[in-house]
Amino acid sequence: LAEAAGGCCPGASRNKFAYNEAGQVRIRAGLPIYECNSRCRCGADCPNRVVQKGIRYDLCIFRTGNGRGWGVRTLERIRKNSFVMEYVGEIITSEEAERRGQVYDRQGATYLFDLDYVEDVYTVDAAHYGNISHFVNHSCDPNLQVYNVFIENLDERLPRIALFATRPIRAGEELTFDYNMH
C-alpha cells in the first residue's frame, strides 16, 4: 500500500493515500479522496495524483441497441478500482438546476448531477459543456462507482466527480453508473 510521502497533503496529516501504487482506489465509496495539489512539495509523478491526470483509456461513444440512445464503451480492458473518467460540466446552483431540470424533463433527457457530498448547493450540468462522461448510461448493476475528489479546491460543496471501475471491465463493454447512488 502506498504511504504518503513527506511533503504530500496526506503525508502532512499522517494518512495513507486513497490509491495504491498502480493508481487504483483502495478506500470505500462514500469516503472523500484528497489528491496532492499545487500546495504539496511532491512532483507530477506522485502516486496521489490520479484524477487530475485525466482519462487514460481509449473510450468511444456508440449508439446503443437497447433504445437508450448513446452510450460509452471502453476499447481496452480496465482493471478493477481504476480511475476511468471525471463527470464534468457547468457548475450551477441547485435553484438553477431545478429550473433547468423541468426543461430537460420536457425534452426527455437530463444531464444534471447534484454535488451533494455535504449539502445540496451546486449541481453539474453536462447538457451543453462536458466530456464523454455525458454519454454514460444508468445501470442498477453498474461497472463504475462515483467518488468525490478534492484537488485544488477543498470546498466540500464542490467535489470533483470521479468514476472508478467496480470490477474488471472487458474491452468493448459499455460503461455505466447508478445515477441514484452518488
C-alpha atoms as a PDB file:
ATOM      1  CA  LEU A   1       0.000   0.000   0.000  1.00  0.00           C
ATOM      2  CA  ALA A   2       1.257   3.444  -0.894  1.00  0.00           C
ATOM      3  CA  GLU A   3       2.333   5.532   2.056  1.00  0.00           C
ATOM      4  CA  ALA A   4       2.054   9.290   1.988  1.00  0.00           C
ATOM      5  CA  ALA A   5       5.492  10.778   1.405  1.00  0.00           C
ATOM      6  CA  GLY A   6       6.820  13.800   3.256  1.00  0.00           C
ATOM      7  CA  GLY A   7       5.503  16.963   1.643  1.00  0.00           C
ATOM      8  CA  CYS A   8       2.323  15.368   0.315  1.00  0.00           C
ATOM      9  CA  CYS A   9      -1.052  16.534   1.605  1.00  0.00           C
ATOM     10  CA  PRO A  10      -1.983  13.125   3.082  1.00  0.00           C
ATOM     11  CA  GLY A  11       1.556  12.905   4.464  1.00  0.00           C
ATOM     12  CA  ALA A  12       1.102  16.105   6.409  1.00  0.00           C
ATOM     13  CA  SER A  13      -1.933  14.631   8.129  1.00  0.00           C
ATOM     14  CA  ARG A  14      -0.328  11.181   8.614  1.00  0.00           C
ATOM     15  CA  ASN A  15      -2.871   9.492   6.343  1.00  0.00           C
ATOM     16  CA  LYS A  16      -2.302   6.923   3.645  1.00  0.00           C
ATOM     17  CA  PHE A  17      -3.094   7.655   0.021  1.00  0.00           C
ATOM     18  CA  ALA A  18      -6.523   6.752  -1.334  1.00  0.00           C
ATOM     19  CA  TYR A  19      -4.681   4.893  -4.138  1.00  0.00           C
ATOM     20  CA  ASN A  20      -2.256   2.001  -4.337  1.00  0.00           C
ATOM     21  CA  GLU A  21       0.975   2.161  -6.375  1.00  0.00           C
ATOM     22  CA  ALA A  22      -0.967   1.273  -9.562  1.00  0.00           C
ATOM     23  CA  GLY A  23      -3.317   4.231  -9.090  1.00  0.00           C
ATOM     24  CA  GLN A  24      -6.280   2.062  -8.110  1.00  0.00           C
ATOM     25  CA  VAL A  25      -8.638   3.390  -5.445  1.00  0.00           C
ATOM     26  CA  ARG A  26      -8.425   1.459  -2.196  1.00  0.00           C
ATOM     27  CA  ILE A  27     -10.957   3.236   0.005  1.00  0.00           C
ATOM     28  CA  ARG A  28     -14.657   2.512   0.119  1.00  0.00           C
ATOM     29  CA  ALA A  29     -17.122   4.557  -1.887  1.00  0.00           C
ATOM     30  CA  GLY A  30     -18.600   7.400   0.107  1.00  0.00           C
ATOM     31  CA  LEU A  31     -15.278   8.487   1.582  1.00  0.00           C
ATOM     32  CA  PRO A  32     -13.694  11.585   0.031  1.00  0.00           C
ATOM     33  CA  ILE A  33     -10.413  11.454  -1.855  1.00  0.00           C
ATOM     34  CA  TYR A  34      -7.891  14.257  -1.346  1.00  0.00           C
ATOM     35  CA  GLU A  35      -5.257  14.306  -4.076  1.00  0.00           C
ATOM     36  CA  CYS A  36      -1.987  16.161  -3.900  1.00  0.00           C
ATOM     37  CA  ASN A  37      -2.086  19.623  -5.440  1.00  0.00           C
ATOM     38  CA  SER A  38      -0.015  22.757  -6.046  1.00  0.00           C
ATOM     39  CA  ARG A  39       0.402  23.247  -2.278  1.00  0.00           C
ATOM     40  CA  CYS A  40       2.271  19.935  -1.981  1.00  0.00           C
ATOM     41  CA  ARG A  41       6.017  19.551  -2.388  1.00  0.00           C
ATOM     42  CA  CYS A  42       5.675  16.350  -4.425  1.00  0.00           C
ATOM     43  CA  GLY A  43       6.001  16.215  -8.193  1.00  0.00           C
ATOM     44  CA  ALA A  44       3.696  15.267 -11.051  1.00  0.00           C
ATOM     45  CA  ASP A  45       4.756  11.608 -10.692  1.00  0.00           C
ATOM     46  CA  CYS A  46       3.329  11.391  -7.151  1.00  0.00           C
ATOM     47  CA  PRO A  47       1.038   8.333  -6.813  1.00  0.00           C
ATOM     48  CA  ASN A  48      -1.566  10.582  -5.168  1.00  0.00           C
ATOM     49  CA  ARG A  49      -2.269  12.390  -8.474  1.00  0.00           C
ATOM     50  CA  VAL A  50      -4.712  10.203 -10.386  1.00  0.00           C
ATOM     51  CA  VAL A  51      -7.917  12.037 -11.319  1.00  0.00           C
ATOM     52  CA  GLN A  52      -6.043  15.211 -12.223  1.00  0.00           C
ATOM     53  CA  LYS A  53      -4.176  13.299 -14.949  1.00  0.00           C
ATOM     54  CA  GLY A  54      -7.445  12.773 -16.828  1.00  0.00           C
ATOM     55  CA  ILE A  55      -8.791   9.908 -18.908  1.00  0.00           C
ATOM     56  CA  ARG A  56      -6.146   7.254 -19.626  1.00  0.00           C
ATOM     57  CA  TYR A  57      -8.262   4.700 -21.500  1.00  0.00           C
ATOM     58  CA  ASP A  58      -9.433   4.540 -25.101  1.00  0.00           C
ATOM     59  CA  LEU A  59     -13.184   5.097 -24.862  1.00  0.00           C
ATOM     60  CA  CYS A  60     -15.746   5.600 -27.591  1.00  0.00           C
ATOM     61  CA  ILE A  61     -19.298   6.851 -27.934  1.00  0.00           C
ATOM     62  CA  PHE A  62     -21.662   4.417 -29.634  1.00  0.00           C
ATOM     63  CA  ARG A  63     -25.344   4.055 -30.427  1.00  0.00           C
ATOM     64  CA  THR A  64     -26.864   1.518 -28.027  1.00  0.00           C
ATOM     65  CA  GLY A  65     -29.092  -1.231 -29.339  1.00  0.00           C
ATOM     66  CA  ASN A  66     -31.437  -1.121 -26.363  1.00  0.00           C
ATOM     67  CA  GLY A  67     -33.179   2.179 -27.036  1.00  0.00           C
ATOM     68  CA  ARG A  68     -31.157   4.211 -24.527  1.00  0.00           C
ATOM     69  CA  GLY A  69     -29.598   6.359 -27.227  1.00  0.00           C
ATOM     70  CA  TRP A  70     -25.879   6.937 -26.996  1.00  0.00           C
ATOM     71  CA  GLY A  71     -23.523   5.179 -24.618  1.00  0.00           C
ATOM     72  CA  VAL A  72     -19.813   4.870 -23.853  1.00  0.00           C
ATOM     73  CA  ARG A  73     -17.723   1.729 -24.171  1.00  0.00           C
ATOM     74  CA  THR A  74     -14.111   1.012 -23.467  1.00  0.00           C
ATOM     75  CA  LEU A  75     -11.840  -0.158 -26.263  1.00  0.00           C
ATOM     76  CA  GLU A  76      -9.430  -1.748 -23.817  1.00  0.00           C
ATOM     77  CA  ARG A  77      -9.554  -3.760 -20.611  1.00  0.00           C
ATOM     78  CA  ILE A  78      -9.926  -1.740 -17.409  1.00  0.00           C
ATOM     79  CA  ARG A  79      -8.728  -3.143 -14.090  1.00  0.00           C
ATOM     80  CA  LYS A  80     -10.930  -3.117 -11.004  1.00  0.00           C
ATOM     81  CA  ASN A  81     -10.701   0.104  -8.940  1.00  0.00           C
ATOM     82  CA  SER A  82      -9.035   2.046 -11.773  1.00  0.00           C
ATOM     83  CA  PHE A  83      -9.967   5.659 -12.484  1.00  0.00           C
ATOM     84  CA  VAL A  84     -11.903   5.827 -15.749  1.00  0.00           C
ATOM     85  CA  MET A  85     -13.195   9.388 -16.161  1.00  0.00           C
ATOM     86  CA  GLU A  86     -14.433  12.510 -14.449  1.00  0.00           C
ATOM     87  CA  TYR A  87     -18.030  13.714 -14.818  1.00  0.00           C
ATOM     88  CA  VAL A  88     -17.673  17.347 -15.871  1.00  0.00           C
ATOM     89  CA  GLY A  89     -19.934  20.170 -16.956  1.00  0.00           C
ATOM     90  CA  GLU A  90     -21.169  23.602 -15.985  1.00  0.00           C
ATOM     91  CA  ILE A  91     -21.402  24.232 -12.213  1.00  0.00           C
ATOM     92  CA  ILE A  92     -24.785  25.784 -11.396  1.00  0.00           C
ATOM     93  CA  THR A  93     -26.774  26.436  -8.230  1.00  0.00           C
ATOM     94  CA  SER A  94     -29.362  23.916  -7.103  1.00  0.00           C
ATOM     95  CA  GLU A  95     -32.066  26.507  -7.777  1.00  0.00           C
ATOM     96  CA  GLU A  96     -30.940  26.849 -11.398  1.00  0.00           C
ATOM     97  CA  ALA A  97     -30.749  23.050 -11.622  1.00  0.00           C
ATOM     98  CA  GLU A  98     -34.411  22.801 -10.585  1.00  0.00           C
ATOM     99  CA  ARG A  99     -35.374  25.265 -13.318  1.00  0.00           C
ATOM    100  CA  ARG A 100     -33.282  23.539 -15.994  1.00  0.00           C
ATOM    101  CA  GLY A 101     -34.428  20.120 -14.804  1.00  0.00           C
ATOM    102  CA  GLN A 102     -38.035  20.984 -15.623  1.00  0.00           C
ATOM    103  CA  VAL A 103     -36.998  21.978 -19.153  1.00  0.00           C
ATOM    104  CA  TYR A 104     -34.849  18.865 -19.587  1.00  0.00           C
ATOM    105  CA  ASP A 105     -37.670  16.631 -18.339  1.00  0.00           C
ATOM    106  CA  ARG A 106     -39.927  18.016 -21.078  1.00  0.00           C
ATOM    107  CA  GLN A 107     -37.165  17.325 -23.609  1.00  0.00           C
ATOM    108  CA  GLY A 108     -36.754  13.757 -22.348  1.00  0.00           C
ATOM    109  CA  ALA A 109     -33.081  13.954 -21.341  1.00  0.00           C
ATOM    110  CA  THR A 110     -31.222  15.348 -18.357  1.00  0.00           C
ATOM    111  CA  TYR A 111     -27.528  15.553 -17.551  1.00  0.00           C
ATOM    112  CA  LEU A 112     -27.722  17.030 -14.046  1.00  0.00           C
ATOM    113  CA  PHE A 113     -25.527  15.630 -11.272  1.00  0.00           C
ATOM    114  CA  ASP A 114     -26.095  17.009  -7.767  1.00  0.00           C
ATOM    115  CA  LEU A 115     -22.950  17.807  -5.803  1.00  0.00           C
ATOM    116  CA  ASP A 116     -24.493  16.758  -2.513  1.00  0.00           C
ATOM    117  CA  TYR A 117     -21.497  15.366  -0.643  1.00  0.00           C
ATOM    118  CA  VAL A 118     -22.140  17.619   2.387  1.00  0.00           C
ATOM    119  CA  GLU A 119     -25.063  19.780   1.295  1.00  0.00           C
ATOM    120  CA  ASP A 120     -27.102  20.243  -1.860  1.00  0.00           C
ATOM    121  CA  VAL A 121     -25.944  23.677  -3.067  1.00  0.00           C
ATOM    122  CA  TYR A 122     -24.456  23.039  -6.508  1.00  0.00           C
ATOM    123  CA  THR A 123     -25.103  20.790  -9.493  1.00  0.00           C
ATOM    124  CA  VAL A 124     -23.046  19.792 -12.528  1.00  0.00           C
ATOM    125  CA  ASP A 125     -24.970  20.327 -15.771  1.00  0.00           C
ATOM    126  CA  ALA A 126     -23.336  18.383 -18.613  1.00  0.00           C
ATOM    127  CA  ALA A 127     -26.054  19.206 -21.173  1.00  0.00           C
ATOM    128  CA  HIS A 128     -24.001  21.814 -23.050  1.00  0.00           C
ATOM    129  CA  TYR A 129     -20.472  21.576 -21.607  1.00  0.00           C
ATOM    130  CA  GLY A 130     -18.630  18.448 -20.644  1.00  0.00           C
ATOM    131  CA  ASN A 131     -16.763  15.429 -21.912  1.00  0.00           C
ATOM    132  CA  ILE A 132     -17.507  11.823 -22.854  1.00  0.00           C
ATOM    133  CA  SER A 133     -18.999  11.188 -19.389  1.00  0.00           C
ATOM    134  CA  HIS A 134     -22.123  12.996 -20.621  1.00  0.00           C
ATOM    135  CA  PHE A 135     -22.966   9.814 -22.580  1.00  0.00           C
ATOM    136  CA  VAL A 136     -22.509   7.247 -19.775  1.00  0.00           C
ATOM    137  CA  ASN A 137     -25.826   5.482 -19.149  1.00  0.00           C
ATOM    138  CA  HIS A 138     -27.507   4.411 -15.916  1.00  0.00           C
ATOM    139  CA  SER A 139     -27.497   0.826 -14.681  1.00  0.00           C
ATOM    140  CA  CYS A 140     -28.762  -0.757 -11.477  1.00  0.00           C
ATOM    141  CA  ASP A 141     -25.768  -3.116 -11.835  1.00  0.00           C
ATOM    142  CA  PRO A 142     -23.067  -0.617 -12.865  1.00  0.00           C
ATOM    143  CA  ASN A 143     -19.397  -1.163 -13.584  1.00  0.00           C
ATOM    144  CA  LEU A 144     -18.437   2.347 -12.422  1.00  0.00           C
ATOM    145  CA  GLN A 145     -18.673   3.905  -8.950  1.00  0.00           C
ATOM    146  CA  VAL A 146     -18.760   7.605  -8.071  1.00  0.00           C
ATOM    147  CA  TYR A 147     -16.146   9.106  -5.740  1.00  0.00           C
ATOM    148  CA  ASN A 148     -15.904  12.713  -4.539  1.00  0.00           C
ATOM    149  CA  VAL A 149     -12.402  14.041  -5.185  1.00  0.00           C
ATOM    150  CA  PHE A 150     -10.748  17.221  -3.965  1.00  0.00           C
ATOM    151  CA  ILE A 151      -7.597  18.553  -5.612  1.00  0.00           C
ATOM    152  CA  GLU A 152      -7.023  22.327  -5.742  1.00  0.00           C
ATOM    153  CA  ASN A 153     -10.453  23.306  -4.423  1.00  0.00           C
ATOM    154  CA  LEU A 154     -11.056  21.888  -0.944  1.00  0.00           C
ATOM    155  CA  ASP A 155     -14.593  23.299  -0.579  1.00  0.00           C
ATOM    156  CA  GLU A 156     -16.637  20.203   0.318  1.00  0.00           C
ATOM    157  CA  ARG A 157     -19.644  21.685  -1.511  1.00  0.00           C
ATOM    158  CA  LEU A 158     -17.712  21.446  -4.799  1.00  0.00           C
ATOM    159  CA  PRO A 159     -16.173  17.980  -5.176  1.00  0.00           C
ATOM    160  CA  ARG A 160     -14.927  16.697  -8.495  1.00  0.00           C
ATOM    161  CA  ILE A 161     -16.920  13.641  -9.566  1.00  0.00           C
ATOM    162  CA  ALA A 162     -14.638  10.721 -10.454  1.00  0.00           C
ATOM    163  CA  LEU A 163     -15.817   7.391 -11.855  1.00  0.00           C
ATOM    164  CA  PHE A 164     -13.807   4.284 -10.909  1.00  0.00           C
ATOM    165  CA  ALA A 165     -14.240   0.685 -12.121  1.00  0.00           C
ATOM    166  CA  THR A 166     -16.126  -1.504  -9.625  1.00  0.00           C
ATOM    167  CA  ARG A 167     -14.835  -4.687 -11.266  1.00  0.00           C
ATOM    168  CA  PRO A 168     -12.647  -5.707 -14.206  1.00  0.00           C
ATOM    169  CA  ILE A 169     -14.227  -4.327 -17.394  1.00  0.00           C
ATOM    170  CA  ARG A 170     -13.735  -6.113 -20.716  1.00  0.00           C
ATOM    171  CA  ALA A 171     -12.751  -4.307 -23.910  1.00  0.00           C
ATOM    172  CA  GLY A 172     -15.936  -3.466 -25.820  1.00  0.00           C
ATOM    173  CA  GLU A 173     -18.109  -3.365 -22.689  1.00  0.00           C
ATOM    174  CA  GLU A 174     -20.476  -0.442 -22.090  1.00  0.00           C
ATOM    175  CA  LEU A 175     -19.607   1.782 -19.123  1.00  0.00           C
ATOM    176  CA  THR A 176     -22.428   2.572 -16.681  1.00  0.00           C
ATOM    177  CA  PHE A 177     -23.029   4.004 -13.232  1.00  0.00           C
ATOM    178  CA  ASP A 178     -26.030   4.089 -10.930  1.00  0.00           C
ATOM    179  CA  TYR A 179     -27.477   7.604 -11.219  1.00  0.00           C
ATOM    180  CA  ASN A 180     -29.214   7.156  -7.863  1.00  0.00           C
ATOM    181  CA  MET A 181     -26.194   6.017  -5.832  1.00  0.00           C
ATOM    182  CA  HIS A 182     -23.905   9.021  -5.823  1.00  0.00           C
END
